[in-house]
Amino acid sequence: MKFLLYAEQNYAYSILRPMQNAILAEGDEVRWFLAGNEIDKSYLKPNENQINDVKTARKWNPDAVITPGNFIPSFIPGLKVGIFHGFNIAKSTRSDARGHFNIRGCFDLYCTQGPATTLRFQELAKQHGHFKVIETGWPALDPLFSGKPDKQSDKPTLLYCSTFTPELCSAPELFDTLLALSQKSDYRWLVQFHPKMPESIVNQYKALQNENLNFVETDNVVPLLQLADVMLCDTSSMIPMFLVQEKPVVTFKNQSRDMTLPIINITDTRDVEPALKQALTYPADLMSSIKAYANQVHPYTDGQSSQRVLSGIKQEIEHSKQGQLRAKPRNVIRNFKERKKLGYWSLF
């Protein structure tokens, strides 16, 4: 079979590469389609095969197109598979209809991460009738549970991540705190931001770098998640990615609507260091809550989620030949925008 990996943002590389490994391990063919101007094409490795335009993609005729993004153009052939670019963090600034559960009418199959989201997607599948749902775990986390990098310091390692959404972003308010804490030799700091973080904030934090703090620019956050003992965050979808390792998270002014998040939330910059010290003790009650949460959000720790996705796709391709689903919405406006972005106007 032939599989097309459709990517529009740099984060897609680390999510889709475990899928690429699973596809190649089964002797199937795989190609990358890097769409738009926001993805850095230089991140593609020399041994990774790319299709550069829609005409070539249509001629190659993939059996399935897999993306962690929100859209796949209807004019690219193949079963359209959504595997998500993060976990559902239920931000207060958006409703479910705009967030994780937004059904945009362009997917045939959703591969969900765990029970916490599977049930809702199954309900939506019954409502809409034009897609299937299978629970597989998230391919992006396969490397997280497949060996860990060596610790580079005996000091506690703290990871600071922040969302780019202005009304949720903690980076401006925590800058002075991180500046002060980075002067102490008590901790090793790793700082990583969302690719859409404003350049002015990125440059501000880059200037903080010293022997205790490293600003990391990467398309793969998994090694950072593995290295850190505790994460400091705000309202980012990175929170569940860290919690599924059964490690504590301290949040600053968290604005999630999910009251079950097992986090230590603070609202005063003076409480940052005390909260981090508390988290580093791994309190028993907190760790019990984190374990229960992880079992609902992503119970798969075998590093085989990509294989489950691949098996599910192949099974659905067989079932789709029987015509079990309704036709997807035409999405005329969205597909027009995709044609404009990709420079493809042919009807064939």
C-alpha atoms as a PDB file:
ATOM      1  CA  MET A   1       0.000   0.000   0.000  1.00  0.00           C
ATOM      2  CA  LYS A   2       0.977   3.640  -0.467  1.00  0.00           C
ATOM      3  CA  PHE A   3       0.744   6.264   2.280  1.00  0.00           C
ATOM      4  CA  LEU A   4       1.092  10.046   1.957  1.00  0.00           C
ATOM      5  CA  LEU A   5       2.154  12.025   5.052  1.00  0.00           C
ATOM      6  CA  TYR A   6       0.589  15.488   4.769  1.00  0.00           C
ATOM      7  CA  ALA A   7       2.312  18.216   6.808  1.00  0.00           C
ATOM      8  CA  GLU A   8       1.844  21.981   7.141  1.00  0.00           C
ATOM      9  CA  GLN A   9       3.693  22.772  10.414  1.00  0.00           C
ATOM     10  CA  ASN A  10       7.095  21.787  11.782  1.00  0.00           C
ATOM     11  CA  TYR A  11       5.542  19.843  14.633  1.00  0.00           C
ATOM     12  CA  ALA A  12       4.244  17.374  12.041  1.00  0.00           C
ATOM     13  CA  TYR A  13       7.688  15.845  11.537  1.00  0.00           C
ATOM     14  CA  SER A  14       7.911  14.319  15.015  1.00  0.00           C
ATOM     15  CA  ILE A  15       4.278  13.175  14.904  1.00  0.00           C
ATOM     16  CA  LEU A  16       4.482  11.554  11.470  1.00  0.00           C
ATOM     17  CA  ARG A  17       7.948   9.994  11.612  1.00  0.00           C
ATOM     18  CA  PRO A  18       6.830   7.137  13.901  1.00  0.00           C
ATOM     19  CA  MET A  19       4.095   6.485  11.316  1.00  0.00           C
ATOM     20  CA  GLN A  20       6.742   6.450   8.587  1.00  0.00           C
ATOM     21  CA  ASN A  21       8.743   3.864  10.543  1.00  0.00           C
ATOM     22  CA  ALA A  22       5.690   1.625  10.978  1.00  0.00           C
ATOM     23  CA  ILE A  23       4.778   1.891   7.288  1.00  0.00           C
ATOM     24  CA  LEU A  24       8.286   1.020   6.112  1.00  0.00           C
ATOM     25  CA  ALA A  25       8.517  -1.856   8.610  1.00  0.00           C
ATOM     26  CA  GLU A  26       5.525  -3.483   6.883  1.00  0.00           C
ATOM     27  CA  GLY A  27       7.127  -3.091   3.462  1.00  0.00           C
ATOM     28  CA  ASP A  28       4.693  -0.402   2.300  1.00  0.00           C
ATOM     29  CA  GLU A  29       5.512   2.823   0.442  1.00  0.00           C
ATOM     30  CA  VAL A  30       5.522   6.279   2.022  1.00  0.00           C
ATOM     31  CA  ARG A  31       5.938   9.840   0.729  1.00  0.00           C
ATOM     32  CA  TRP A  32       5.811  13.295   2.344  1.00  0.00           C
ATOM     33  CA  PHE A  33       3.745  16.230   1.090  1.00  0.00           C
ATOM     34  CA  LEU A  34       4.900  19.506   2.685  1.00  0.00           C
ATOM     35  CA  ALA A  35       2.154  22.085   2.135  1.00  0.00           C
ATOM     36  CA  GLY A  36       2.274  25.858   2.490  1.00  0.00           C
ATOM     37  CA  ASN A  37       4.920  28.313   3.663  1.00  0.00           C
ATOM     38  CA  GLU A  38       4.857  27.669   7.417  1.00  0.00           C
ATOM     39  CA  ILE A  39       6.715  24.358   7.366  1.00  0.00           C
ATOM     40  CA  ASP A  40      10.519  24.316   7.138  1.00  0.00           C
ATOM     41  CA  LYS A  41      11.270  21.902   4.318  1.00  0.00           C
ATOM     42  CA  SER A  42      14.942  21.697   5.370  1.00  0.00           C
ATOM     43  CA  TYR A  43      13.836  19.498   8.315  1.00  0.00           C
ATOM     44  CA  LEU A  44      13.120  16.682   5.834  1.00  0.00           C
ATOM     45  CA  LYS A  45      15.893  14.075   5.994  1.00  0.00           C
ATOM     46  CA  PRO A  46      17.854  13.001   2.893  1.00  0.00           C
ATOM     47  CA  ASN A  47      16.386   9.485   3.010  1.00  0.00           C
ATOM     48  CA  GLU A  48      12.776  10.748   3.243  1.00  0.00           C
ATOM     49  CA  ASN A  49      10.928  10.873  -0.056  1.00  0.00           C
ATOM     50  CA  GLN A  50       8.879  13.944  -0.928  1.00  0.00           C
ATOM     51  CA  ILE A  51       6.139  14.699  -3.430  1.00  0.00           C
ATOM     52  CA  ASN A  52       6.312  18.353  -4.401  1.00  0.00           C
ATOM     53  CA  ASP A  53       2.973  19.091  -6.057  1.00  0.00           C
ATOM     54  CA  VAL A  54      -0.639  17.994  -6.185  1.00  0.00           C
ATOM     55  CA  LYS A  55      -0.436  16.692  -9.758  1.00  0.00           C
ATOM     56  CA  THR A  56       2.317  14.257  -8.764  1.00  0.00           C
ATOM     57  CA  ALA A  57       0.414  13.255  -5.613  1.00  0.00           C
ATOM     58  CA  ARG A  58      -2.694  12.471  -7.649  1.00  0.00           C
ATOM     59  CA  LYS A  59      -0.656  10.448 -10.126  1.00  0.00           C
ATOM     60  CA  TRP A  60       1.023   8.527  -7.283  1.00  0.00           C
ATOM     61  CA  ASN A  61      -2.524   7.810  -6.015  1.00  0.00           C
ATOM     62  CA  PRO A  62      -1.968   6.989  -2.310  1.00  0.00           C
ATOM     63  CA  ASP A  63      -4.238   4.542  -0.529  1.00  0.00           C
ATOM     64  CA  ALA A  64      -4.332   6.835   2.513  1.00  0.00           C
ATOM     65  CA  VAL A  65      -3.304  10.376   3.463  1.00  0.00           C
ATOM     66  CA  ILE A  66      -2.329  10.904   7.107  1.00  0.00           C
ATOM     67  CA  THR A  67      -2.057  14.279   8.822  1.00  0.00           C
ATOM     68  CA  PRO A  68      -1.775  15.738  12.334  1.00  0.00           C
ATOM     69  CA  GLY A  69      -3.311  18.949  10.971  1.00  0.00           C
ATOM     70  CA  ASN A  70      -6.897  20.128  10.646  1.00  0.00           C
ATOM     71  CA  PHE A  71      -7.398  19.662   6.902  1.00  0.00           C
ATOM     72  CA  ILE A  72      -6.568  17.433   3.964  1.00  0.00           C
ATOM     73  CA  PRO A  73      -7.610  18.706   0.506  1.00  0.00           C
ATOM     74  CA  SER A  74     -10.349  16.550  -1.011  1.00  0.00           C
ATOM     75  CA  PHE A  75      -8.617  16.632  -4.405  1.00  0.00           C
ATOM     76  CA  ILE A  76      -5.733  14.491  -3.118  1.00  0.00           C
ATOM     77  CA  PRO A  77      -6.869  10.833  -3.388  1.00  0.00           C
ATOM     78  CA  GLY A  78      -6.856   8.281  -0.590  1.00  0.00           C
ATOM     79  CA  LEU A  79      -8.531   7.587   2.750  1.00  0.00           C
ATOM     80  CA  LYS A  80      -8.209  10.797   4.805  1.00  0.00           C
ATOM     81  CA  VAL A  81      -6.856  10.039   8.301  1.00  0.00           C
ATOM     82  CA  GLY A  82      -6.600  12.487  11.215  1.00  0.00           C
ATOM     83  CA  ILE A  83      -4.150  11.701  14.022  1.00  0.00           C
ATOM     84  CA  PHE A  84      -4.177  15.101  15.842  1.00  0.00           C
ATOM     85  CA  HIS A  85      -1.406  17.581  16.607  1.00  0.00           C
ATOM     86  CA  GLY A  86      -1.915  17.582  20.355  1.00  0.00           C
ATOM     87  CA  PHE A  87      -4.158  16.622  23.244  1.00  0.00           C
ATOM     88  CA  ASN A  88      -7.436  18.241  24.178  1.00  0.00           C
ATOM     89  CA  ILE A  89      -6.627  20.884  26.788  1.00  0.00           C
ATOM     90  CA  ALA A  90     -10.112  22.515  26.698  1.00  0.00           C
ATOM     91  CA  LYS A  91      -8.844  26.093  26.674  1.00  0.00           C
ATOM     92  CA  SER A  92     -11.223  28.649  28.132  1.00  0.00           C
ATOM     93  CA  THR A  93     -10.729  30.856  25.068  1.00  0.00           C
ATOM     94  CA  ARG A  94     -12.435  28.379  22.721  1.00  0.00           C
ATOM     95  CA  SER A  95     -15.364  25.995  22.758  1.00  0.00           C
ATOM     96  CA  ASP A  96     -15.145  22.309  21.893  1.00  0.00           C
ATOM     97  CA  ALA A  97     -16.760  23.227  18.568  1.00  0.00           C
ATOM     98  CA  ARG A  98     -13.619  25.232  17.692  1.00  0.00           C
ATOM     99  CA  GLY A  99     -11.096  22.991  19.379  1.00  0.00           C
ATOM    100  CA  HIS A 100     -10.252  19.307  19.595  1.00  0.00           C
ATOM    101  CA  PHE A 101     -13.748  18.121  18.610  1.00  0.00           C
ATOM    102  CA  ASN A 102     -14.190  20.419  15.618  1.00  0.00           C
ATOM    103  CA  ILE A 103     -15.530  18.220  12.796  1.00  0.00           C
ATOM    104  CA  ARG A 104     -14.404  19.930   9.603  1.00  0.00           C
ATOM    105  CA  GLY A 105     -15.791  17.384   7.194  1.00  0.00           C
ATOM    106  CA  CYS A 106     -12.570  16.306   5.508  1.00  0.00           C
ATOM    107  CA  PHE A 107     -11.632  13.082   7.342  1.00  0.00           C
ATOM    108  CA  ASP A 108     -12.772   9.503   6.793  1.00  0.00           C
ATOM    109  CA  LEU A 109     -11.071   8.179   9.920  1.00  0.00           C
ATOM    110  CA  TYR A 110     -10.022   9.655  13.271  1.00  0.00           C
ATOM    111  CA  CYS A 111      -7.435   7.754  15.336  1.00  0.00           C
ATOM    112  CA  THR A 112      -8.002   8.858  18.923  1.00  0.00           C
ATOM    113  CA  GLN A 113      -5.496   8.973  21.768  1.00  0.00           C
ATOM    114  CA  GLY A 114      -7.441   7.491  24.670  1.00  0.00           C
ATOM    115  CA  PRO A 115     -10.844   6.984  26.343  1.00  0.00           C
ATOM    116  CA  ALA A 116     -11.115  10.654  27.339  1.00  0.00           C
ATOM    117  CA  THR A 117     -11.654  11.662  23.698  1.00  0.00           C
ATOM    118  CA  THR A 118     -12.736   8.421  22.038  1.00  0.00           C
ATOM    119  CA  LEU A 119     -16.262   8.435  23.467  1.00  0.00           C
ATOM    120  CA  ARG A 120     -16.967  11.985  22.288  1.00  0.00           C
ATOM    121  CA  PHE A 121     -15.656  11.244  18.786  1.00  0.00           C
ATOM    122  CA  GLN A 122     -17.772   8.103  18.615  1.00  0.00           C
ATOM    123  CA  GLU A 123     -20.840  10.193  19.466  1.00  0.00           C
ATOM    124  CA  LEU A 124     -19.895  12.679  16.739  1.00  0.00           C
ATOM    125  CA  ALA A 125     -19.383   9.829  14.253  1.00  0.00           C
ATOM    126  CA  LYS A 126     -22.963   8.681  14.843  1.00  0.00           C
ATOM    127  CA  GLN A 127     -24.187  12.252  14.461  1.00  0.00           C
ATOM    128  CA  HIS A 128     -22.332  13.062  11.227  1.00  0.00           C
ATOM    129  CA  GLY A 129     -22.125   9.621   9.638  1.00  0.00           C
ATOM    130  CA  HIS A 130     -19.214  10.366   7.299  1.00  0.00           C
ATOM    131  CA  PHE A 131     -16.243   9.163   9.359  1.00  0.00           C
ATOM    132  CA  LYS A 132     -15.120   6.275  11.568  1.00  0.00           C
ATOM    133  CA  VAL A 133     -13.285   6.360  14.898  1.00  0.00           C
ATOM    134  CA  ILE A 134     -10.748   3.955  16.343  1.00  0.00           C
ATOM    135  CA  GLU A 135      -8.715   4.310  19.539  1.00  0.00           C
ATOM    136  CA  THR A 136      -5.030   3.744  18.833  1.00  0.00           C
ATOM    137  CA  GLY A 137      -2.946   5.994  21.033  1.00  0.00           C
ATOM    138  CA  TRP A 138      -0.922   8.870  19.591  1.00  0.00           C
ATOM    139  CA  PRO A 139       1.993   8.048  17.230  1.00  0.00           C
ATOM    140  CA  ALA A 140       3.912  11.108  18.434  1.00  0.00           C
ATOM    141  CA  LEU A 141       4.386   9.440  21.826  1.00  0.00           C
ATOM    142  CA  ASP A 142       5.837   6.168  20.553  1.00  0.00           C
ATOM    143  CA  PRO A 143       9.419   7.453  21.040  1.00  0.00           C
ATOM    144  CA  LEU A 144       8.464   8.731  24.506  1.00  0.00           C
ATOM    145  CA  PHE A 145       7.969   5.138  25.649  1.00  0.00           C
ATOM    146  CA  SER A 146      10.759   3.608  23.577  1.00  0.00           C
ATOM    147  CA  GLY A 147      13.945   4.409  25.496  1.00  0.00           C
ATOM    148  CA  LYS A 148      15.112   7.569  27.221  1.00  0.00           C
ATOM    149  CA  PRO A 149      18.127   9.871  26.680  1.00  0.00           C
ATOM    150  CA  ASP A 150      20.849   9.995  29.331  1.00  0.00           C
ATOM    151  CA  LYS A 151      20.419  12.703  31.953  1.00  0.00           C
ATOM    152  CA  GLN A 152      22.945  15.479  31.384  1.00  0.00           C
ATOM    153  CA  SER A 153      22.911  16.852  34.909  1.00  0.00           C
ATOM    154  CA  ASP A 154      22.560  15.679  38.512  1.00  0.00           C
ATOM    155  CA  LYS A 155      20.474  18.779  39.231  1.00  0.00           C
ATOM    156  CA  PRO A 156      16.686  18.688  38.889  1.00  0.00           C
ATOM    157  CA  THR A 157      15.751  19.424  35.277  1.00  0.00           C
ATOM    158  CA  LEU A 158      12.854  21.833  34.756  1.00  0.00           C
ATOM    159  CA  LEU A 159      11.140  22.339  31.415  1.00  0.00           C
ATOM    160  CA  TYR A 160       9.328  25.615  30.732  1.00  0.00           C
ATOM    161  CA  CYS A 161       6.826  25.636  27.865  1.00  0.00           C
ATOM    162  CA  SER A 162       4.289  28.296  26.950  1.00  0.00           C
ATOM    163  CA  THR A 163       1.442  28.545  24.493  1.00  0.00           C
ATOM    164  CA  PHE A 164       1.544  31.346  21.909  1.00  0.00           C
ATOM    165  CA  THR A 165      -2.123  32.392  22.376  1.00  0.00           C
ATOM    166  CA  PRO A 166      -1.766  35.970  23.714  1.00  0.00           C
ATOM    167  CA  GLU A 167      -4.503  35.756  26.366  1.00  0.00           C
ATOM    168  CA  LEU A 168      -3.068  32.460  27.683  1.00  0.00           C
ATOM    169  CA  CYS A 169       0.671  33.018  27.221  1.00  0.00           C
ATOM    170  CA  SER A 170       2.669  33.208  30.449  1.00  0.00           C
ATOM    171  CA  ALA A 171       6.037  34.028  28.864  1.00  0.00           C
ATOM    172  CA  PRO A 172       5.899  37.836  29.231  1.00  0.00           C
ATOM    173  CA  GLU A 173       4.782  37.693  32.871  1.00  0.00           C
ATOM    174  CA  LEU A 174       7.236  34.970  33.900  1.00  0.00           C
ATOM    175  CA  PHE A 175      10.300  36.447  32.219  1.00  0.00           C
ATOM    176  CA  ASP A 176      11.683  38.152  35.344  1.00  0.00           C
ATOM    177  CA  THR A 177      11.010  35.002  37.396  1.00  0.00           C
ATOM    178  CA  LEU A 178      12.871  32.795  34.918  1.00  0.00           C
ATOM    179  CA  LEU A 179      15.673  35.349  34.812  1.00  0.00           C
ATOM    180  CA  ALA A 180      16.080  35.139  38.595  1.00  0.00           C
ATOM    181  CA  LEU A 181      15.744  31.366  38.791  1.00  0.00           C
ATOM    182  CA  SER A 182      18.204  30.826  35.948  1.00  0.00           C
ATOM    183  CA  GLN A 183      20.862  32.617  37.983  1.00  0.00           C
ATOM    184  CA  LYS A 184      20.641  29.897  40.624  1.00  0.00           C
ATOM    185  CA  SER A 185      22.653  26.732  40.210  1.00  0.00           C
ATOM    186  CA  ASP A 186      19.929  24.663  41.921  1.00  0.00           C
ATOM    187  CA  TYR A 187      18.237  23.694  38.653  1.00  0.00           C
ATOM    188  CA  ARG A 188      18.882  22.916  35.039  1.00  0.00           C
ATOM    189  CA  TRP A 189      16.362  24.783  32.849  1.00  0.00           C
ATOM    190  CA  LEU A 190      15.145  23.862  29.369  1.00  0.00           C
ATOM    191  CA  VAL A 191      12.916  26.388  27.583  1.00  0.00           C
ATOM    192  CA  GLN A 192      10.870  25.522  24.492  1.00  0.00           C
ATOM    193  CA  PHE A 193       8.067  27.485  22.838  1.00  0.00           C
ATOM    194  CA  HIS A 194       5.369  26.819  20.269  1.00  0.00           C
ATOM    195  CA  PRO A 195       6.561  27.560  16.690  1.00  0.00           C
ATOM    196  CA  LYS A 196       4.030  30.411  16.461  1.00  0.00           C
ATOM    197  CA  MET A 197       5.390  32.233  19.523  1.00  0.00           C
ATOM    198  CA  PRO A 198       6.141  35.900  18.612  1.00  0.00           C
ATOM    199  CA  GLU A 199       9.760  36.408  17.643  1.00  0.00           C
ATOM    200  CA  SER A 200      10.163  39.230  20.160  1.00  0.00           C
ATOM    201  CA  ILE A 201       9.403  36.832  23.049  1.00  0.00           C
ATOM    202  CA  VAL A 202      11.620  34.113  21.577  1.00  0.00           C
ATOM    203  CA  ASN A 203      14.559  36.513  21.317  1.00  0.00           C
ATOM    204  CA  GLN A 204      13.960  37.740  24.860  1.00  0.00           C
ATOM    205  CA  TYR A 205      14.256  34.217  26.251  1.00  0.00           C
ATOM    206  CA  LYS A 206      17.170  33.307  24.026  1.00  0.00           C
ATOM    207  CA  ALA A 207      19.073  36.146  25.702  1.00  0.00           C
ATOM    208  CA  LEU A 208      18.557  34.385  29.063  1.00  0.00           C
ATOM    209  CA  GLN A 209      20.769  31.444  28.126  1.00  0.00           C
ATOM    210  CA  ASN A 210      23.566  30.632  30.557  1.00  0.00           C
ATOM    211  CA  GLU A 211      25.140  27.551  32.133  1.00  0.00           C
ATOM    212  CA  ASN A 212      21.843  26.807  33.916  1.00  0.00           C
ATOM    213  CA  LEU A 213      19.357  27.554  31.111  1.00  0.00           C
ATOM    214  CA  ASN A 214      19.136  26.421  27.498  1.00  0.00           C
ATOM    215  CA  PHE A 215      16.610  27.705  24.966  1.00  0.00           C
ATOM    216  CA  VAL A 216      15.804  24.819  22.632  1.00  0.00           C
ATOM    217  CA  GLU A 217      14.475  25.207  19.086  1.00  0.00           C
ATOM    218  CA  THR A 218      13.365  21.825  17.790  1.00  0.00           C
ATOM    219  CA  ASP A 219      10.736  20.021  15.769  1.00  0.00           C
ATOM    220  CA  ASN A 220      10.803  17.178  18.324  1.00  0.00           C
ATOM    221  CA  VAL A 221       9.960  17.916  21.961  1.00  0.00           C
ATOM    222  CA  VAL A 222       9.986  14.265  23.089  1.00  0.00           C
ATOM    223  CA  PRO A 223      13.616  14.263  24.355  1.00  0.00           C
ATOM    224  CA  LEU A 224      12.845  17.392  26.401  1.00  0.00           C
ATOM    225  CA  LEU A 225       9.797  15.741  27.954  1.00  0.00           C
ATOM    226  CA  GLN A 226      11.906  12.715  28.828  1.00  0.00           C
ATOM    227  CA  LEU A 227      14.754  14.731  30.362  1.00  0.00           C
ATOM    228  CA  ALA A 228      12.627  16.987  32.575  1.00  0.00           C
ATOM    229  CA  ASP A 229      11.607  16.071  36.112  1.00  0.00           C
ATOM    230  CA  VAL A 230       8.907  18.752  36.322  1.00  0.00           C
ATOM    231  CA  MET A 231       7.310  21.050  33.752  1.00  0.00           C
ATOM    232  CA  LEU A 232       6.310  24.682  34.238  1.00  0.00           C
ATOM    233  CA  CYS A 233       3.563  25.712  31.842  1.00  0.00           C
ATOM    234  CA  ASP A 234       0.356  27.744  31.387  1.00  0.00           C
ATOM    235  CA  THR A 235      -2.544  26.426  29.265  1.00  0.00           C
ATOM    236  CA  SER A 236      -0.638  24.479  26.636  1.00  0.00           C
ATOM    237  CA  SER A 237      -1.481  21.128  25.053  1.00  0.00           C
ATOM    238  CA  MET A 238       2.001  20.103  26.189  1.00  0.00           C
ATOM    239  CA  ILE A 239       0.543  19.505  29.662  1.00  0.00           C
ATOM    240  CA  PRO A 240      -1.049  16.110  28.881  1.00  0.00           C
ATOM    241  CA  MET A 241       2.084  15.067  26.946  1.00  0.00           C
ATOM    242  CA  PHE A 242       4.078  15.551  30.145  1.00  0.00           C
ATOM    243  CA  LEU A 243       1.496  14.102  32.526  1.00  0.00           C
ATOM    244  CA  VAL A 244       1.206  10.792  30.635  1.00  0.00           C
ATOM    245  CA  GLN A 245       4.792  10.123  31.763  1.00  0.00           C
ATOM    246  CA  GLU A 246       3.432  10.341  35.329  1.00  0.00           C
ATOM    247  CA  LYS A 247       5.458  13.458  36.120  1.00  0.00           C
ATOM    248  CA  PRO A 248       4.156  16.633  37.841  1.00  0.00           C
ATOM    249  CA  VAL A 249       3.253  19.890  36.106  1.00  0.00           C
ATOM    250  CA  VAL A 250       3.144  23.352  37.666  1.00  0.00           C
ATOM    251  CA  THR A 251       0.938  25.803  35.760  1.00  0.00           C
ATOM    252  CA  PHE A 252       0.790  29.588  35.949  1.00  0.00           C
ATOM    253  CA  LYS A 253      -2.728  31.008  35.587  1.00  0.00           C
ATOM    254  CA  ASN A 254      -4.036  27.914  33.871  1.00  0.00           C
ATOM    255  CA  GLN A 255      -7.261  28.682  32.000  1.00  0.00           C
ATOM    256  CA  SER A 256      -8.381  25.194  31.083  1.00  0.00           C
ATOM    257  CA  ARG A 257     -12.057  24.329  31.481  1.00  0.00           C
ATOM    258  CA  ASP A 258     -11.015  20.815  32.544  1.00  0.00           C
ATOM    259  CA  MET A 259     -11.208  20.845  36.323  1.00  0.00           C
ATOM    260  CA  THR A 260      -9.841  17.281  36.489  1.00  0.00           C
ATOM    261  CA  LEU A 261      -6.333  18.254  35.364  1.00  0.00           C
ATOM    262  CA  PRO A 262      -3.951  16.950  38.082  1.00  0.00           C
ATOM    263  CA  ILE A 263      -1.735  20.034  38.191  1.00  0.00           C
ATOM    264  CA  ILE A 264      -0.352  22.469  40.737  1.00  0.00           C
ATOM    265  CA  ASN A 265      -1.784  25.788  39.574  1.00  0.00           C
ATOM    266  CA  ILE A 266      -0.539  29.136  40.853  1.00  0.00           C
ATOM    267  CA  THR A 267      -1.443  32.731  40.045  1.00  0.00           C
ATOM    268  CA  ASP A 268       1.379  34.710  41.661  1.00  0.00           C
ATOM    269  CA  THR A 269       4.940  34.806  40.326  1.00  0.00           C
ATOM    270  CA  ARG A 270       6.228  34.627  43.907  1.00  0.00           C
ATOM    271  CA  ASP A 271       4.777  31.117  44.159  1.00  0.00           C
ATOM    272  CA  VAL A 272       6.649  29.691  41.158  1.00  0.00           C
ATOM    273  CA  GLU A 273       9.699  28.377  42.988  1.00  0.00           C
ATOM    274  CA  PRO A 274       7.789  27.020  46.031  1.00  0.00           C
ATOM    275  CA  ALA A 275       5.398  25.199  43.684  1.00  0.00           C
ATOM    276  CA  LEU A 276       8.298  23.720  41.717  1.00  0.00           C
ATOM    277  CA  LYS A 277       9.938  22.540  44.934  1.00  0.00           C
ATOM    278  CA  GLN A 278       6.652  20.923  45.988  1.00  0.00           C
ATOM    279  CA  ALA A 279       6.305  19.191  42.604  1.00  0.00           C
ATOM    280  CA  LEU A 280       9.856  17.845  42.799  1.00  0.00           C
ATOM    281  CA  THR A 281       8.880  15.868  45.910  1.00  0.00           C
ATOM    282  CA  TYR A 282       6.330  13.940  43.777  1.00  0.00           C
ATOM    283  CA  PRO A 283       3.529  14.133  46.420  1.00  0.00           C
ATOM    284  CA  ALA A 284       1.655  10.822  46.740  1.00  0.00           C
ATOM    285  CA  ASP A 285      -1.862  12.277  46.322  1.00  0.00           C
ATOM    286  CA  LEU A 286      -0.838  14.245  43.251  1.00  0.00           C
ATOM    287  CA  MET A 287       0.915  11.257  41.667  1.00  0.00           C
ATOM    288  CA  SER A 288      -2.155   9.086  42.204  1.00  0.00           C
ATOM    289  CA  SER A 289      -4.304  11.659  40.413  1.00  0.00           C
ATOM    290  CA  ILE A 290      -1.787  11.918  37.577  1.00  0.00           C
ATOM    291  CA  LYS A 291      -1.798   8.155  37.076  1.00  0.00           C
ATOM    292  CA  ALA A 292      -5.600   8.041  36.881  1.00  0.00           C
ATOM    293  CA  TYR A 293      -5.590  10.946  34.416  1.00  0.00           C
ATOM    294  CA  ALA A 294      -2.952   9.301  32.195  1.00  0.00           C
ATOM    295  CA  ASN A 295      -5.033   6.115  32.007  1.00  0.00           C
ATOM    296  CA  GLN A 296      -7.904   8.126  30.546  1.00  0.00           C
ATOM    297  CA  VAL A 297      -5.951  10.429  28.244  1.00  0.00           C
ATOM    298  CA  HIS A 298      -3.346   8.007  26.829  1.00  0.00           C
ATOM    299  CA  PRO A 299      -3.182   4.560  28.429  1.00  0.00           C
ATOM    300  CA  TYR A 300      -0.752   3.174  25.832  1.00  0.00           C
ATOM    301  CA  THR A 301       2.855   2.947  27.030  1.00  0.00           C
ATOM    302  CA  ASP A 302       4.080   0.207  24.672  1.00  0.00           C
ATOM    303  CA  GLY A 303       5.348   2.539  21.929  1.00  0.00           C
ATOM    304  CA  GLN A 304       3.116   0.782  19.374  1.00  0.00           C
ATOM    305  CA  SER A 305       0.472   3.423  18.654  1.00  0.00           C
ATOM    306  CA  SER A 306       1.753   3.936  15.086  1.00  0.00           C
ATOM    307  CA  GLN A 307       1.282   0.247  14.383  1.00  0.00           C
ATOM    308  CA  ARG A 308      -2.277   0.399  15.716  1.00  0.00           C
ATOM    309  CA  VAL A 309      -2.996   3.401  13.479  1.00  0.00           C
ATOM    310  CA  LEU A 310      -1.586   1.573  10.458  1.00  0.00           C
ATOM    311  CA  SER A 311      -3.610  -1.562  11.197  1.00  0.00           C
ATOM    312  CA  GLY A 312      -6.732   0.539  11.642  1.00  0.00           C
ATOM    313  CA  ILE A 313      -6.189   2.324   8.330  1.00  0.00           C
ATOM    314  CA  LYS A 314      -5.756  -0.921   6.427  1.00  0.00           C
ATOM    315  CA  GLN A 315      -8.858  -2.376   8.024  1.00  0.00           C
ATOM    316  CA  GLU A 316     -10.873   0.744   7.190  1.00  0.00           C
ATOM    317  CA  ILE A 317      -9.678   0.731   3.570  1.00  0.00           C
ATOM    318  CA  GLU A 318     -11.131  -2.763   3.264  1.00  0.00           C
ATOM    319  CA  HIS A 319     -14.397  -1.721   4.935  1.00  0.00           C
ATOM    320  CA  SER A 320     -14.700   1.480   2.879  1.00  0.00           C
ATOM    321  CA  LYS A 321     -14.991  -0.615  -0.272  1.00  0.00           C
ATOM    322  CA  GLN A 322     -18.367  -1.695   1.058  1.00  0.00           C
ATOM    323  CA  GLY A 323     -19.642   1.903   1.069  1.00  0.00           C
ATOM    324  CA  GLN A 324     -20.620   2.084   4.745  1.00  0.00           C
ATOM    325  CA  LEU A 325     -20.246   5.860   5.216  1.00  0.00           C
ATOM    326  CA  ARG A 326     -22.149   8.898   4.007  1.00  0.00           C
ATOM    327  CA  ALA A 327     -20.409  11.242   1.587  1.00  0.00           C
ATOM    328  CA  LYS A 328     -18.320  13.935   3.274  1.00  0.00           C
ATOM    329  CA  PRO A 329     -19.378  17.614   2.944  1.00  0.00           C
ATOM    330  CA  ARG A 330     -18.082  19.275  -0.227  1.00  0.00           C
ATOM    331  CA  ASN A 331     -16.225  22.000   1.728  1.00  0.00           C
ATOM    332  CA  VAL A 332     -16.217  24.270  -1.336  1.00  0.00           C
ATOM    333  CA  ILE A 333     -14.722  27.325   0.366  1.00  0.00           C
ATOM    334  CA  ARG A 334     -12.059  25.358   2.240  1.00  0.00           C
ATOM    335  CA  ASN A 335     -11.035  23.427  -0.856  1.00  0.00           C
ATOM    336  CA  PHE A 336     -10.853  26.676  -2.844  1.00  0.00           C
ATOM    337  CA  LYS A 337      -8.451  28.033  -0.216  1.00  0.00           C
ATOM    338  CA  GLU A 338      -6.416  24.828  -0.386  1.00  0.00           C
ATOM    339  CA  ARG A 339      -6.244  25.050  -4.181  1.00  0.00           C
ATOM    340  CA  LYS A 340      -5.035  28.636  -3.903  1.00  0.00           C
ATOM    341  CA  LYS A 341      -2.430  27.730  -1.278  1.00  0.00           C
ATOM    342  CA  LEU A 342      -1.154  24.770  -3.277  1.00  0.00           C
ATOM    343  CA  GLY A 343      -1.456  26.425  -6.706  1.00  0.00           C
ATOM    344  CA  TYR A 344      -3.641  23.655  -8.083  1.00  0.00           C
ATOM    345  CA  TRP A 345      -6.575  24.580 -10.352  1.00  0.00           C
ATOM    346  CA  SER A 346      -6.958  21.514 -12.551  1.00  0.00           C
ATOM    347  CA  LEU A 347     -10.128  19.442 -12.416  1.00  0.00           C
ATOM    348  CA  PHE A 348      -8.079  16.300 -13.055  1.00  0.00           C
END
